[in-house]
Amino acid sequence: MTLILLASACLLIVTFGYASLCASSPFGDCRKCKGFGYALKKNRRGQLKPGKTCRRCRGERKRIRTGRHLYNLWLRLYRDGTDTPRKPAFKPTQKG
């Protein structure tokens, strides 16, 4: 029983830690280019040079975190489902 409680506590700590990371810093380094914005190439002498622009981040160097992306999708779905149309504002007609 204690092992199950310990495992669930660790899972909660990891979950809340990742949620706080997504809330405080929604963007992370691109995983493909490692935050450089382009692929690194080596020339014949072995020196590193910038190559093509990264296709995943389009050279922006940042990507949205998975948890933040899921939260944004959930929030958009919630807003679309619960938003009721509002009545137009009352505008008095002018008689003249």
PDB file of N, CA and C in Angstrom:
ATOM      1  N   MET A   1       0.824  -1.196   0.000  1.00  0.00           N
ATOM      2  CA  MET A   1       0.000   0.000   0.000  1.00  0.00           C
ATOM      3  C   MET A   1       0.864   1.255   0.000  1.00  0.00           C
ATOM      4  N   THR A   2       1.963   1.236   0.736  1.00  0.00           N
ATOM      5  CA  THR A   2       2.827   2.398   0.809  1.00  0.00           C
ATOM      6  C   THR A   2       3.506   2.654  -0.530  1.00  0.00           C
ATOM      7  N   LEU A   3       3.847   1.604  -1.252  1.00  0.00           N
ATOM      8  CA  LEU A   3       4.494   1.749  -2.549  1.00  0.00           C
ATOM      9  C   LEU A   3       3.549   2.409  -3.562  1.00  0.00           C
ATOM     10  N   ILE A   4       2.275   2.077  -3.483  1.00  0.00           N
ATOM     11  CA  ILE A   4       1.285   2.678  -4.388  1.00  0.00           C
ATOM     12  C   ILE A   4       1.127   4.161  -4.076  1.00  0.00           C
ATOM     13  N   LEU A   5       1.086   4.513  -2.806  1.00  0.00           N
ATOM     14  CA  LEU A   5       0.983   5.919  -2.422  1.00  0.00           C
ATOM     15  C   LEU A   5       2.228   6.699  -2.849  1.00  0.00           C
ATOM     16  N   LEU A   6       3.380   6.101  -2.705  1.00  0.00           N
ATOM     17  CA  LEU A   6       4.619   6.749  -3.117  1.00  0.00           C
ATOM     18  C   LEU A   6       4.648   6.966  -4.628  1.00  0.00           C
ATOM     19  N   ALA A   7       4.222   5.967  -5.378  1.00  0.00           N
ATOM     20  CA  ALA A   7       4.201   6.093  -6.839  1.00  0.00           C
ATOM     21  C   ALA A   7       3.208   7.155  -7.289  1.00  0.00           C
ATOM     22  N   SER A   8       2.038   7.187  -6.666  1.00  0.00           N
ATOM     23  CA  SER A   8       1.044   8.194  -7.050  1.00  0.00           C
ATOM     24  C   SER A   8       1.499   9.597  -6.653  1.00  0.00           C
ATOM     25  N   ALA A   9       2.186   9.718  -5.513  1.00  0.00           N
ATOM     26  CA  ALA A   9       2.711  11.021  -5.104  1.00  0.00           C
ATOM     27  C   ALA A   9       3.789  11.504  -6.074  1.00  0.00           C
ATOM     28  N   CYS A  10       4.655  10.604  -6.501  1.00  0.00           N
ATOM     29  CA  CYS A  10       5.683  10.974  -7.479  1.00  0.00           C
ATOM     30  C   CYS A  10       5.056  11.380  -8.808  1.00  0.00           C
ATOM     31  N   LEU A  11       4.028  10.674  -9.220  1.00  0.00           N
ATOM     32  CA  LEU A  11       3.338  10.997 -10.464  1.00  0.00           C
ATOM     33  C   LEU A  11       2.676  12.371 -10.376  1.00  0.00           C
ATOM     34  N   LEU A  12       2.071  12.680  -9.243  1.00  0.00           N
ATOM     35  CA  LEU A  12       1.459  13.994  -9.056  1.00  0.00           C
ATOM     36  C   LEU A  12       2.503  15.103  -9.057  1.00  0.00           C
ATOM     37  N   ILE A  13       3.636  14.867  -8.432  1.00  0.00           N
ATOM     38  CA  ILE A  13       4.701  15.869  -8.395  1.00  0.00           C
ATOM     39  C   ILE A  13       5.227  16.148  -9.800  1.00  0.00           C
ATOM     40  N   VAL A  14       5.441  15.100 -10.575  1.00  0.00           N
ATOM     41  CA  VAL A  14       5.924  15.269 -11.946  1.00  0.00           C
ATOM     42  C   VAL A  14       4.888  15.994 -12.798  1.00  0.00           C
ATOM     43  N   THR A  15       3.618  15.635 -12.640  1.00  0.00           N
ATOM     44  CA  THR A  15       2.551  16.258 -13.417  1.00  0.00           C
ATOM     45  C   THR A  15       2.419  17.739 -13.095  1.00  0.00           C
ATOM     46  N   PHE A  16       2.376  18.077 -11.822  1.00  0.00           N
ATOM     47  CA  PHE A  16       2.255  19.481 -11.442  1.00  0.00           C
ATOM     48  C   PHE A  16       3.520  20.264 -11.787  1.00  0.00           C
ATOM     49  N   GLY A  17       4.659  19.624 -11.734  1.00  0.00           N
ATOM     50  CA  GLY A  17       5.901  20.289 -12.151  1.00  0.00           C
ATOM     51  C   GLY A  17       5.888  20.631 -13.628  1.00  0.00           C
ATOM     52  N   TYR A  18       5.433  19.678 -14.453  1.00  0.00           N
ATOM     53  CA  TYR A  18       5.368  19.941 -15.893  1.00  0.00           C
ATOM     54  C   TYR A  18       4.306  20.990 -16.209  1.00  0.00           C
ATOM     55  N   ALA A  19       3.185  20.958 -15.483  1.00  0.00           N
ATOM     56  CA  ALA A  19       2.142  21.960 -15.697  1.00  0.00           C
ATOM     57  C   ALA A  19       2.645  23.355 -15.338  1.00  0.00           C
ATOM     58  N   SER A  20       3.396  23.465 -14.262  1.00  0.00           N
ATOM     59  CA  SER A  20       3.946  24.778 -13.898  1.00  0.00           C
ATOM     60  C   SER A  20       5.012  25.228 -14.894  1.00  0.00           C
ATOM     61  N   LEU A  21       5.776  24.288 -15.436  1.00  0.00           N
ATOM     62  CA  LEU A  21       6.760  24.634 -16.471  1.00  0.00           C
ATOM     63  C   LEU A  21       6.063  25.150 -17.720  1.00  0.00           C
ATOM     64  N   CYS A  22       4.979  24.488 -18.131  1.00  0.00           N
ATOM     65  CA  CYS A  22       4.229  24.926 -19.314  1.00  0.00           C
ATOM     66  C   CYS A  22       3.571  26.284 -19.086  1.00  0.00           C
ATOM     67  N   ALA A  23       3.152  26.550 -17.853  1.00  0.00           N
ATOM     68  CA  ALA A  23       2.525  27.841 -17.560  1.00  0.00           C
ATOM     69  C   ALA A  23       3.556  28.960 -17.521  1.00  0.00           C
ATOM     70  N   SER A  24       4.714  28.698 -16.958  1.00  0.00           N
ATOM     71  CA  SER A  24       5.721  29.754 -16.826  1.00  0.00           C
ATOM     72  C   SER A  24       6.528  29.958 -18.101  1.00  0.00           C
ATOM     73  N   SER A  25       6.780  28.890 -18.841  1.00  0.00           N
ATOM     74  CA  SER A  25       7.570  28.982 -20.061  1.00  0.00           C
ATOM     75  C   SER A  25       6.925  28.110 -21.133  1.00  0.00           C
ATOM     76  N   PRO A  26       5.948  28.659 -21.886  1.00  0.00           N
ATOM     77  CA  PRO A  26       5.213  27.824 -22.839  1.00  0.00           C
ATOM     78  C   PRO A  26       6.034  27.386 -24.049  1.00  0.00           C
ATOM     79  N   PHE A  27       7.146  28.035 -24.312  1.00  0.00           N
ATOM     80  CA  PHE A  27       7.974  27.685 -25.459  1.00  0.00           C
ATOM     81  C   PHE A  27       9.300  27.103 -24.999  1.00  0.00           C
ATOM     82  N   GLY A  28       9.754  26.058 -25.691  1.00  0.00           N
ATOM     83  CA  GLY A  28      11.035  25.435 -25.400  1.00  0.00           C
ATOM     84  C   GLY A  28      11.884  25.401 -26.656  1.00  0.00           C
ATOM     85  N   ASP A  29      13.121  24.980 -26.519  1.00  0.00           N
ATOM     86  CA  ASP A  29      14.005  24.876 -27.673  1.00  0.00           C
ATOM     87  C   ASP A  29      13.497  23.809 -28.629  1.00  0.00           C
ATOM     88  N   CYS A  30      13.703  24.043 -29.917  1.00  0.00           N
ATOM     89  CA  CYS A  30      13.314  23.066 -30.926  1.00  0.00           C
ATOM     90  C   CYS A  30      14.148  21.801 -30.728  1.00  0.00           C
ATOM     91  N   ARG A  31      13.488  20.650 -30.785  1.00  0.00           N
ATOM     92  CA  ARG A  31      14.202  19.401 -30.549  1.00  0.00           C
ATOM     93  C   ARG A  31      15.033  18.975 -31.747  1.00  0.00           C
ATOM     94  N   LYS A  32      14.652  19.395 -32.931  1.00  0.00           N
ATOM     95  CA  LYS A  32      15.366  18.951 -34.117  1.00  0.00           C
ATOM     96  C   LYS A  32      16.695  19.698 -34.283  1.00  0.00           C
ATOM     97  N   CYS A  33      16.646  21.025 -34.156  1.00  0.00           N
ATOM     98  CA  CYS A  33      17.868  21.821 -34.353  1.00  0.00           C
ATOM     99  C   CYS A  33      18.524  22.203 -33.034  1.00  0.00           C
ATOM    100  N   LYS A  34      17.954  21.766 -31.920  1.00  0.00           N
ATOM    101  CA  LYS A  34      18.463  22.028 -30.574  1.00  0.00           C
ATOM    102  C   LYS A  34      18.553  23.523 -30.265  1.00  0.00           C
ATOM    103  N   GLY A  35      17.657  24.311 -30.854  1.00  0.00           N
ATOM    104  CA  GLY A  35      17.592  25.731 -30.563  1.00  0.00           C
ATOM    105  C   GLY A  35      18.525  26.592 -31.395  1.00  0.00           C
ATOM    106  N   PHE A  36      19.165  26.034 -32.420  1.00  0.00           N
ATOM    107  CA  PHE A  36      20.056  26.838 -33.268  1.00  0.00           C
ATOM    108  C   PHE A  36      19.283  27.527 -34.391  1.00  0.00           C
ATOM    109  N   GLY A  37      18.204  26.945 -34.868  1.00  0.00           N
ATOM    110  CA  GLY A  37      17.442  27.527 -35.953  1.00  0.00           C
ATOM    111  C   GLY A  37      17.849  27.008 -37.311  1.00  0.00           C
ATOM    112  N   TYR A  38      18.904  26.241 -37.358  1.00  0.00           N
ATOM    113  CA  TYR A  38      19.380  25.665 -38.618  1.00  0.00           C
ATOM    114  C   TYR A  38      20.145  24.393 -38.299  1.00  0.00           C
ATOM    115  N   ALA A  39      20.337  23.592 -39.318  1.00  0.00           N
ATOM    116  CA  ALA A  39      21.110  22.363 -39.147  1.00  0.00           C
ATOM    117  C   ALA A  39      22.595  22.701 -39.247  1.00  0.00           C
ATOM    118  N   LEU A  40      23.405  22.061 -38.445  1.00  0.00           N
ATOM    119  CA  LEU A  40      24.848  22.279 -38.515  1.00  0.00           C
ATOM    120  C   LEU A  40      25.464  21.319 -39.516  1.00  0.00           C
ATOM    121  N   LYS A  41      26.362  21.860 -40.336  1.00  0.00           N
ATOM    122  CA  LYS A  41      27.065  21.043 -41.310  1.00  0.00           C
ATOM    123  C   LYS A  41      28.562  21.187 -41.066  1.00  0.00           C
ATOM    124  N   LYS A  42      29.300  20.177 -41.470  1.00  0.00           N
ATOM    125  CA  LYS A  42      30.754  20.238 -41.384  1.00  0.00           C
ATOM    126  C   LYS A  42      31.321  20.370 -42.788  1.00  0.00           C
ATOM    127  N   ASN A  43      32.324  21.228 -42.921  1.00  0.00           N
ATOM    128  CA  ASN A  43      32.985  21.310 -44.215  1.00  0.00           C
ATOM    129  C   ASN A  43      34.104  20.281 -44.267  1.00  0.00           C
ATOM    130  N   ARG A  44      34.929  20.313 -45.279  1.00  0.00           N
ATOM    131  CA  ARG A  44      35.962  19.281 -45.436  1.00  0.00           C
ATOM    132  C   ARG A  44      37.001  19.299 -44.330  1.00  0.00           C
ATOM    133  N   ARG A  45      37.203  20.464 -43.734  1.00  0.00           N
ATOM    134  CA  ARG A  45      38.189  20.560 -42.648  1.00  0.00           C
ATOM    135  C   ARG A  45      37.593  20.187 -41.288  1.00  0.00           C
ATOM    136  N   GLY A  46      36.289  19.940 -41.236  1.00  0.00           N
ATOM    137  CA  GLY A  46      35.654  19.549 -39.983  1.00  0.00           C
ATOM    138  C   GLY A  46      35.090  20.716 -39.194  1.00  0.00           C
ATOM    139  N   GLN A  47      35.109  21.920 -39.783  1.00  0.00           N
ATOM    140  CA  GLN A  47      34.558  23.082 -39.094  1.00  0.00           C
ATOM    141  C   GLN A  47      33.034  23.085 -39.238  1.00  0.00           C
ATOM    142  N   LEU A  48      32.372  23.496 -38.183  1.00  0.00           N
ATOM    143  CA  LEU A  48      30.909  23.563 -38.203  1.00  0.00           C
ATOM    144  C   LEU A  48      30.460  24.848 -38.880  1.00  0.00           C
ATOM    145  N   LYS A  49      29.476  24.711 -39.766  1.00  0.00           N
ATOM    146  CA  LYS A  49      28.909  25.860 -40.467  1.00  0.00           C
ATOM    147  C   LYS A  49      27.392  25.729 -40.452  1.00  0.00           C
ATOM    148  N   PRO A  50      26.704  26.866 -40.520  1.00  0.00           N
ATOM    149  CA  PRO A  50      25.238  26.769 -40.572  1.00  0.00           C
ATOM    150  C   PRO A  50      24.783  26.192 -41.897  1.00  0.00           C
ATOM    151  N   GLY A  51      23.786  25.343 -41.815  1.00  0.00           N
ATOM    152  CA  GLY A  51      23.236  24.725 -43.015  1.00  0.00           C
ATOM    153  C   GLY A  51      21.869  25.285 -43.332  1.00  0.00           C
ATOM    154  N   LYS A  52      20.962  24.415 -43.719  1.00  0.00           N
ATOM    155  CA  LYS A  52      19.607  24.840 -44.064  1.00  0.00           C
ATOM    156  C   LYS A  52      18.836  25.261 -42.819  1.00  0.00           C
ATOM    157  N   THR A  53      17.858  26.118 -43.033  1.00  0.00           N
ATOM    158  CA  THR A  53      16.966  26.523 -41.954  1.00  0.00           C
ATOM    159  C   THR A  53      16.142  25.313 -41.514  1.00  0.00           C
ATOM    160  N   CYS A  54      15.936  25.192 -40.228  1.00  0.00           N
ATOM    161  CA  CYS A  54      15.182  24.065 -39.674  1.00  0.00           C
ATOM    162  C   CYS A  54      13.745  24.098 -40.180  1.00  0.00           C
ATOM    163  N   ARG A  55      13.260  22.961 -40.666  1.00  0.00           N
ATOM    164  CA  ARG A  55      11.905  22.907 -41.194  1.00  0.00           C
ATOM    165  C   ARG A  55      10.865  22.834 -40.089  1.00  0.00           C
ATOM    166  N   ARG A  56      11.217  22.295 -38.957  1.00  0.00           N
ATOM    167  CA  ARG A  56      10.243  22.142 -37.871  1.00  0.00           C
ATOM    168  C   ARG A  56       9.912  23.487 -37.225  1.00  0.00           C
ATOM    169  N   CYS A  57      10.925  24.281 -36.909  1.00  0.00           N
ATOM    170  CA  CYS A  57      10.677  25.565 -36.245  1.00  0.00           C
ATOM    171  C   CYS A  57      10.769  26.745 -37.203  1.00  0.00           C
ATOM    172  N   ARG A  58      11.122  26.493 -38.457  1.00  0.00           N
ATOM    173  CA  ARG A  58      11.256  27.524 -39.493  1.00  0.00           C
ATOM    174  C   ARG A  58      12.258  28.606 -39.105  1.00  0.00           C
ATOM    175  N   GLY A  59      13.288  28.207 -38.391  1.00  0.00           N
ATOM    176  CA  GLY A  59      14.337  29.136 -37.999  1.00  0.00           C
ATOM    177  C   GLY A  59      14.006  29.993 -36.799  1.00  0.00           C
ATOM    178  N   GLU A  60      12.858  29.771 -36.162  1.00  0.00           N
ATOM    179  CA  GLU A  60      12.456  30.566 -35.004  1.00  0.00           C
ATOM    180  C   GLU A  60      13.149  30.102 -33.721  1.00  0.00           C
ATOM    181  N   ARG A  61      13.742  28.924 -33.734  1.00  0.00           N
ATOM    182  CA  ARG A  61      14.491  28.328 -32.624  1.00  0.00           C
ATOM    183  C   ARG A  61      13.617  27.829 -31.478  1.00  0.00           C
ATOM    184  N   LYS A  62      12.359  28.148 -31.455  1.00  0.00           N
ATOM    185  CA  LYS A  62      11.483  27.765 -30.351  1.00  0.00           C
ATOM    186  C   LYS A  62      10.316  26.947 -30.873  1.00  0.00           C
ATOM    187  N   ARG A  63       9.728  26.147 -29.991  1.00  0.00           N
ATOM    188  CA  ARG A  63       8.547  25.366 -30.306  1.00  0.00           C
ATOM    189  C   ARG A  63       7.631  25.439 -29.098  1.00  0.00           C
ATOM    190  N   ILE A  64       6.358  25.212 -29.321  1.00  0.00           N
ATOM    191  CA  ILE A  64       5.422  25.215 -28.202  1.00  0.00           C
ATOM    192  C   ILE A  64       5.487  23.849 -27.527  1.00  0.00           C
ATOM    193  N   ARG A  65       5.473  23.851 -26.219  1.00  0.00           N
ATOM    194  CA  ARG A  65       5.539  22.597 -25.482  1.00  0.00           C
ATOM    195  C   ARG A  65       4.258  21.792 -25.683  1.00  0.00           C
ATOM    196  N   THR A  66       4.358  20.480 -25.578  1.00  0.00           N
ATOM    197  CA  THR A  66       3.220  19.593 -25.817  1.00  0.00           C
ATOM    198  C   THR A  66       2.092  19.870 -24.828  1.00  0.00           C
ATOM    199  N   GLY A  67       2.428  20.043 -23.567  1.00  0.00           N
ATOM    200  CA  GLY A  67       1.403  20.312 -22.563  1.00  0.00           C
ATOM    201  C   GLY A  67       0.692  21.627 -22.812  1.00  0.00           C
ATOM    202  N   ARG A  68       1.434  22.648 -23.224  1.00  0.00           N
ATOM    203  CA  ARG A  68       0.822  23.946 -23.511  1.00  0.00           C
ATOM    204  C   ARG A  68      -0.064  23.854 -24.753  1.00  0.00           C
ATOM    205  N   HIS A  69       0.377  23.079 -25.740  1.00  0.00           N
ATOM    206  CA  HIS A  69      -0.413  22.893 -26.949  1.00  0.00           C
ATOM    207  C   HIS A  69      -1.746  22.198 -26.621  1.00  0.00           C
ATOM    208  N   LEU A  70      -1.693  21.167 -25.792  1.00  0.00           N
ATOM    209  CA  LEU A  70      -2.923  20.476 -25.380  1.00  0.00           C
ATOM    210  C   LEU A  70      -3.834  21.395 -24.577  1.00  0.00           C
ATOM    211  N   TYR A  71      -3.245  22.229 -23.715  1.00  0.00           N
ATOM    212  CA  TYR A  71      -4.040  23.183 -22.936  1.00  0.00           C
ATOM    213  C   TYR A  71      -4.712  24.198 -23.855  1.00  0.00           C
ATOM    214  N   ASN A  72      -3.989  24.691 -24.859  1.00  0.00           N
ATOM    215  CA  ASN A  72      -4.572  25.642 -25.801  1.00  0.00           C
ATOM    216  C   ASN A  72      -5.725  25.009 -26.582  1.00  0.00           C
ATOM    217  N   LEU A  73      -5.562  23.740 -26.994  1.00  0.00           N
ATOM    218  CA  LEU A  73      -6.643  23.054 -27.694  1.00  0.00           C
ATOM    219  C   LEU A  73      -7.869  22.892 -26.806  1.00  0.00           C
ATOM    220  N   TRP A  74      -7.653  22.504 -25.557  1.00  0.00           N
ATOM    221  CA  TRP A  74      -8.756  22.335 -24.612  1.00  0.00           C
ATOM    222  C   TRP A  74      -9.456  23.663 -24.376  1.00  0.00           C
ATOM    223  N   LEU A  75      -8.696  24.744 -24.211  1.00  0.00           N
ATOM    224  CA  LEU A  75      -9.274  26.056 -23.958  1.00  0.00           C
ATOM    225  C   LEU A  75     -10.083  26.534 -25.159  1.00  0.00           C
ATOM    226  N   ARG A  76      -9.582  26.318 -26.372  1.00  0.00           N
ATOM    227  CA  ARG A  76     -10.311  26.714 -27.576  1.00  0.00           C
ATOM    228  C   ARG A  76     -11.609  25.920 -27.717  1.00  0.00           C
ATOM    229  N   LEU A  77     -11.544  24.619 -27.430  1.00  0.00           N
ATOM    230  CA  LEU A  77     -12.742  23.782 -27.493  1.00  0.00           C
ATOM    231  C   LEU A  77     -13.764  24.207 -26.438  1.00  0.00           C
ATOM    232  N   TYR A  78     -13.303  24.532 -25.259  1.00  0.00           N
ATOM    233  CA  TYR A  78     -14.193  24.972 -24.188  1.00  0.00           C
ATOM    234  C   TYR A  78     -14.866  26.289 -24.549  1.00  0.00           C
ATOM    235  N   ARG A  79     -14.081  27.230 -25.083  1.00  0.00           N
ATOM    236  CA  ARG A  79     -14.649  28.532 -25.460  1.00  0.00           C
ATOM    237  C   ARG A  79     -15.662  28.395 -26.586  1.00  0.00           C
ATOM    238  N   ASP A  80     -15.364  27.545 -27.568  1.00  0.00           N
ATOM    239  CA  ASP A  80     -16.287  27.361 -28.679  1.00  0.00           C
ATOM    240  C   ASP A  80     -17.575  26.668 -28.238  1.00  0.00           C
ATOM    241  N   GLY A  81     -17.478  25.787 -27.266  1.00  0.00           N
ATOM    242  CA  GLY A  81     -18.642  25.045 -26.834  1.00  0.00           C
ATOM    243  C   GLY A  81     -19.522  25.786 -25.866  1.00  0.00           C
ATOM    244  N   THR A  82     -18.980  26.715 -25.084  1.00  0.00           N
ATOM    245  CA  THR A  82     -19.768  27.381 -24.058  1.00  0.00           C
ATOM    246  C   THR A  82     -20.089  28.824 -24.390  1.00  0.00           C
ATOM    247  N   ASP A  83     -19.541  29.363 -25.411  1.00  0.00           N
ATOM    248  CA  ASP A  83     -19.777  30.757 -25.741  1.00  0.00           C
ATOM    249  C   ASP A  83     -21.149  30.897 -26.375  1.00  0.00           C
ATOM    250  N   THR A  84     -22.019  31.644 -25.732  1.00  0.00           N
ATOM    251  CA  THR A  84     -23.353  31.856 -26.272  1.00  0.00           C
ATOM    252  C   THR A  84     -23.374  33.186 -27.001  1.00  0.00           C
ATOM    253  N   PRO A  85     -24.145  33.271 -28.076  1.00  0.00           N
ATOM    254  CA  PRO A  85     -24.201  34.547 -28.782  1.00  0.00           C
ATOM    255  C   PRO A  85     -24.884  35.609 -27.925  1.00  0.00           C
ATOM    256  N   ARG A  86     -24.371  36.803 -27.997  1.00  0.00           N
ATOM    257  CA  ARG A  86     -24.914  37.888 -27.190  1.00  0.00           C
ATOM    258  C   ARG A  86     -25.931  38.683 -27.992  1.00  0.00           C
ATOM    259  N   LYS A  87     -26.850  39.275 -27.274  1.00  0.00           N
ATOM    260  CA  LYS A  87     -27.833  40.117 -27.930  1.00  0.00           C
ATOM    261  C   LYS A  87     -27.162  41.418 -28.363  1.00  0.00           C
ATOM    262  N   PRO A  88     -27.584  41.976 -29.478  1.00  0.00           N
ATOM    263  CA  PRO A  88     -26.984  43.242 -29.884  1.00  0.00           C
ATOM    264  C   PRO A  88     -27.337  44.343 -28.890  1.00  0.00           C
ATOM    265  N   ALA A  89     -26.462  45.305 -28.774  1.00  0.00           N
ATOM    266  CA  ALA A  89     -26.684  46.405 -27.844  1.00  0.00           C
ATOM    267  C   ALA A  89     -27.888  47.256 -28.280  1.00  0.00           C
ATOM    268  N   PHE A  90     -28.587  47.803 -27.318  1.00  0.00           N
ATOM    269  CA  PHE A  90     -29.758  48.617 -27.607  1.00  0.00           C
ATOM    270  C   PHE A  90     -29.297  49.956 -28.159  1.00  0.00           C
ATOM    271  N   LYS A  91     -29.812  50.318 -29.331  1.00  0.00           N
ATOM    272  CA  LYS A  91     -29.491  51.597 -29.938  1.00  0.00           C
ATOM    273  C   LYS A  91     -30.797  52.336 -30.179  1.00  0.00           C
ATOM    274  N   PRO A  92     -30.990  53.448 -29.504  1.00  0.00           N
ATOM    275  CA  PRO A  92     -32.243  54.192 -29.717  1.00  0.00           C
ATOM    276  C   PRO A  92     -32.236  54.831 -31.107  1.00  0.00           C
ATOM    277  N   THR A  93     -33.403  54.854 -31.727  1.00  0.00           N
ATOM    278  CA  THR A  93     -33.505  55.479 -33.050  1.00  0.00           C
ATOM    279  C   THR A  93     -33.722  56.967 -32.892  1.00  0.00           C
ATOM    280  N   GLN A  94     -33.171  57.699 -33.807  1.00  0.00           N
ATOM    281  CA  GLN A  94     -33.298  59.162 -33.742  1.00  0.00           C
ATOM    282  C   GLN A  94     -34.480  59.583 -34.598  1.00  0.00           C
ATOM    283  N   LYS A  95     -35.336  60.384 -34.025  1.00  0.00           N
ATOM    284  CA  LYS A  95     -36.470  60.925 -34.779  1.00  0.00           C
ATOM    285  C   LYS A  95     -36.184  62.389 -35.018  1.00  0.00           C
ATOM    286  N   GLY A  96     -36.367  62.768 -36.220  1.00  0.00           N
ATOM    287  CA  GLY A  96     -36.017  64.141 -36.471  1.00  0.00           C
ATOM    288  C   GLY A  96     -36.770  64.811 -37.469  1.00  0.00           C
TER     289      GLY A  96
END
